[in-house]
C-alpha atoms as a PDB file:
ATOM      1  CA  UNK A   1      50.601 -54.724  35.508  1.00  0.00           C
ATOM      2  CA  UNK A   2      47.064 -54.228  36.680  1.00  0.00           C
ATOM      3  CA  UNK A   3      44.720 -53.543  33.384  1.00  0.00           C
ATOM      4  CA  UNK A   4      42.617 -50.543  33.290  1.00  0.00           C
ATOM      5  CA  UNK A   5      38.853 -50.838  34.154  1.00  0.00           C
ATOM      6  CA  UNK A   6      37.583 -47.945  33.152  1.00  0.00           C
ATOM      7  CA  UNK A   7      34.379 -47.379  31.772  1.00  0.00           C
ATOM      8  CA  UNK A   8      34.445 -44.119  29.975  1.00  0.00           C
ATOM      9  CA  UNK A   9      34.134 -44.546  26.375  1.00  0.00           C
ATOM     10  CA  UNK A  10      36.547 -42.960  24.119  1.00  0.00           C
ATOM     11  CA  UNK A  11      34.441 -39.969  21.554  1.00  0.00           C
ATOM     12  CA  UNK A  12      36.334 -38.925  18.252  1.00  0.00           C
ATOM     13  CA  UNK A  13      37.181 -35.240  17.445  1.00  0.00           C
ATOM     14  CA  UNK A  14      34.527 -35.573  14.979  1.00  0.00           C
ATOM     15  CA  UNK A  15      32.024 -36.094  17.202  1.00  0.00           C
ATOM     16  CA  UNK A  16      32.888 -33.717  19.672  1.00  0.00           C
ATOM     17  CA  UNK A  17      32.789 -31.014  17.321  1.00  0.00           C
ATOM     18  CA  UNK A  18      29.658 -32.166  15.888  1.00  0.00           C
ATOM     19  CA  UNK A  19      27.950 -32.048  19.652  1.00  0.00           C
ATOM     20  CA  UNK A  20      29.119 -28.687  20.296  1.00  0.00           C
ATOM     21  CA  UNK A  21      27.912 -27.330  16.740  1.00  0.00           C
ATOM     22  CA  UNK A  22      24.494 -29.071  18.035  1.00  0.00           C
ATOM     23  CA  UNK A  23      24.851 -27.263  21.211  1.00  0.00           C
ATOM     24  CA  UNK A  24      26.025 -24.285  20.203  1.00  0.00           C
ATOM     25  CA  UNK A  25      22.790 -23.864  18.015  1.00  0.00           C
ATOM     26  CA  UNK A  26      20.198 -25.170  20.396  1.00  0.00           C
ATOM     27  CA  UNK A  27      21.669 -22.269  22.551  1.00  0.00           C
ATOM     28  CA  UNK A  28      21.152 -19.857  20.372  1.00  0.00           C
ATOM     29  CA  UNK A  29      18.251 -21.077  18.993  1.00  0.00           C
ATOM     30  CA  UNK A  30      16.552 -20.871  22.421  1.00  0.00           C
ATOM     31  CA  UNK A  31      18.201 -17.235  23.053  1.00  0.00           C
ATOM     32  CA  UNK A  32      16.619 -15.452  19.462  1.00  0.00           C
ATOM     33  CA  UNK A  33      13.103 -17.698  21.241  1.00  0.00           C
ATOM     34  CA  UNK A  34      13.451 -15.388  24.531  1.00  0.00           C
ATOM     35  CA  UNK A  35      14.502 -12.067  22.985  1.00  0.00           C
ATOM     36  CA  UNK A  36      11.461 -12.742  20.521  1.00  0.00           C
ATOM     37  CA  UNK A  37       9.498 -13.300  23.721  1.00  0.00           C
ATOM     38  CA  UNK A  38      10.964 -10.633  25.436  1.00  0.00           C
ATOM     39  CA  UNK A  39      10.066  -7.959  22.686  1.00  0.00           C
ATOM     40  CA  UNK A  40       6.824  -8.882  21.870  1.00  0.00           C
ATOM     41  CA  UNK A  41       5.924  -8.680  25.964  1.00  0.00           C
ATOM     42  CA  UNK A  42       7.027  -5.151  26.162  1.00  0.00           C
ATOM     43  CA  UNK A  43       5.458  -4.243  22.918  1.00  0.00           C
ATOM     44  CA  UNK A  44       1.797  -5.486  24.210  1.00  0.00           C
ATOM     45  CA  UNK A  45       2.402  -3.851  27.748  1.00  0.00           C
ATOM     46  CA  UNK A  46       4.423  -0.887  27.089  1.00  0.00           C
ATOM     47  CA  UNK A  47       3.924   0.711  24.211  1.00  0.00           C
ATOM     48  CA  UNK A  48       0.205   2.162  23.144  1.00  0.00           C
ATOM     49  CA  UNK A  49      -2.040   1.164  20.265  1.00  0.00           C
ATOM     50  CA  UNK A  50      -2.417   3.121  17.593  1.00  0.00           C
ATOM     51  CA  UNK A  51      -5.924   3.165  15.592  1.00  0.00           C
ATOM     52  CA  UNK A  52      -6.631   4.354  12.155  1.00  0.00           C
ATOM     53  CA  UNK A  53     -10.393   5.634  11.369  1.00  0.00           C
ATOM     54  CA  UNK A  54     -10.068   4.278   8.323  1.00  0.00           C
ATOM     55  CA  UNK A  55     -13.846   4.792   7.654  1.00  0.00           C
ATOM     56  CA  UNK A  56     -14.179   8.227   8.871  1.00  0.00           C
ATOM     57  CA  UNK A  57     -11.260   8.990   7.279  1.00  0.00           C
ATOM     58  CA  UNK A  58     -12.913   8.271   3.799  1.00  0.00           C
ATOM     59  CA  UNK A  59     -16.484   9.681   4.754  1.00  0.00           C
ATOM     60  CA  UNK A  60     -14.709  13.077   5.545  1.00  0.00           C
ATOM     61  CA  UNK A  61     -13.133  12.814   2.019  1.00  0.00           C
ATOM     62  CA  UNK A  62     -16.331  12.164   0.410  1.00  0.00           C
ATOM     63  CA  UNK A  63     -18.542  14.776   1.695  1.00  0.00           C
ATOM     64  CA  UNK A  64     -16.221  17.361   0.920  1.00  0.00           C
ATOM     65  CA  UNK A  65     -15.371  16.003  -2.473  1.00  0.00           C
ATOM     66  CA  UNK A  66     -19.646  16.282  -3.098  1.00  0.00           C
ATOM     67  CA  UNK A  67     -19.477  20.049  -1.162  1.00  0.00           C
ATOM     68  CA  UNK A  68     -17.314  21.007  -3.624  1.00  0.00           C
ATOM     69  CA  UNK A  69     -19.107  19.480  -6.681  1.00  0.00           C
ATOM     70  CA  UNK A  70     -22.379  21.448  -5.674  1.00  0.00           C
ATOM     71  CA  UNK A  71     -20.568  24.075  -5.450  1.00  0.00           C
ATOM     72  CA  UNK A  72     -19.081  24.011  -8.147  1.00  0.00           C
ATOM     73  CA  UNK A  73     -22.093  23.370 -10.091  1.00  0.00           C
ATOM     74  CA  UNK A  74     -23.702  26.276  -8.543  1.00  0.00           C
ATOM     75  CA  UNK A  75     -21.432  28.628 -10.076  1.00  0.00           C
ATOM     76  CA  UNK A  76     -21.876  26.964 -13.437  1.00  0.00           C
ATOM     77  CA  UNK A  77     -25.428  27.810 -13.373  1.00  0.00           C
ATOM     78  CA  UNK A  78     -25.158  31.005 -12.146  1.00  0.00           C
ATOM     79  CA  UNK A  79     -22.583  31.798 -15.071  1.00  0.00           C
ATOM     80  CA  UNK A  80     -25.050  29.955 -17.141  1.00  0.00           C
ATOM     81  CA  UNK A  81     -27.969  32.022 -16.411  1.00  0.00           C
ATOM     82  CA  UNK A  82     -25.807  35.306 -16.368  1.00  0.00           C
ATOM     83  CA  UNK A  83     -24.171  35.426 -19.983  1.00  0.00           C
ATOM     84  CA  UNK A  84     -27.613  33.534 -21.350  1.00  0.00           C
ATOM     85  CA  UNK A  85     -25.235  31.010 -23.323  1.00  0.00           C
ATOM     86  CA  UNK A  86     -27.610  28.472 -25.122  1.00  0.00           C
ATOM     87  CA  UNK A  87     -26.451  25.068 -24.605  1.00  0.00           C
ATOM     88  CA  UNK A  88     -27.460  23.144 -27.182  1.00  0.00           C
ATOM     89  CA  UNK A  89     -26.551  23.659 -30.838  1.00  0.00           C
ATOM     90  CA  UNK A  90     -29.255  23.806 -33.884  1.00  0.00           C
ATOM     91  CA  UNK A  91     -29.125  21.678 -36.708  1.00  0.00           C
ATOM     92  CA  UNK A  92     -27.521  24.386 -38.893  1.00  0.00           C
ATOM     93  CA  UNK A  93     -25.035  24.748 -36.717  1.00  0.00           C
ATOM     94  CA  UNK A  94     -24.164  21.156 -36.559  1.00  0.00           C
ATOM     95  CA  UNK A  95     -23.635  20.977 -40.344  1.00  0.00           C
ATOM     96  CA  UNK A  96     -21.820  23.571 -40.406  1.00  0.00           C
ATOM     97  CA  UNK A  97     -19.802  22.501 -37.731  1.00  0.00           C
ATOM     98  CA  UNK A  98     -19.679  19.468 -39.156  1.00  0.00           C
ATOM     99  CA  UNK A  99     -18.139  20.722 -42.699  1.00  0.00           C
ATOM    100  CA  UNK A 100     -15.653  22.931 -41.503  1.00  0.00           C
ATOM    101  CA  UNK A 101     -14.555  19.369 -39.731  1.00  0.00           C
ATOM    102  CA  UNK A 102     -14.246  17.786 -42.941  1.00  0.00           C
ATOM    103  CA  UNK A 103     -12.742  20.463 -44.770  1.00  0.00           C
ATOM    104  CA  UNK A 104     -10.014  20.479 -42.074  1.00  0.00           C
ATOM    105  CA  UNK A 105      -9.122  16.782 -42.330  1.00  0.00           C
ATOM    106  CA  UNK A 106      -9.205  16.970 -45.808  1.00  0.00           C
ATOM    107  CA  UNK A 107      -6.462  19.961 -46.087  1.00  0.00           C
ATOM    108  CA  UNK A 108      -4.478  17.690 -43.613  1.00  0.00           C
ATOM    109  CA  UNK A 109      -4.709  14.625 -45.465  1.00  0.00           C
ATOM    110  CA  UNK A 110      -3.510  16.431 -48.868  1.00  0.00           C
ATOM    111  CA  UNK A 111      -0.507  17.927 -47.142  1.00  0.00           C
END
């Protein structure tokens, strides 16, 4: 019998399984990267970019609030002129209000 002169190496089943898993991981990673690049390319070249005018929106809201405050102030001024309601209380009115408040607090405490 002639001895076998083979240069083939014998691989254990465990090393074959590990190499197969490593190969599968590398191929999966490559597919994921290619899919991501494809999605990014489609997003950049085939979609329209939406831009928001944030500053213009806030400026418009601010101006509308200012206009509303000015309208309310004008209405309040007209109302106070029409009714002639005094805006400040006199000293005697303040003292009477203070006395009424003290009496109310005293009554609330004693109950």
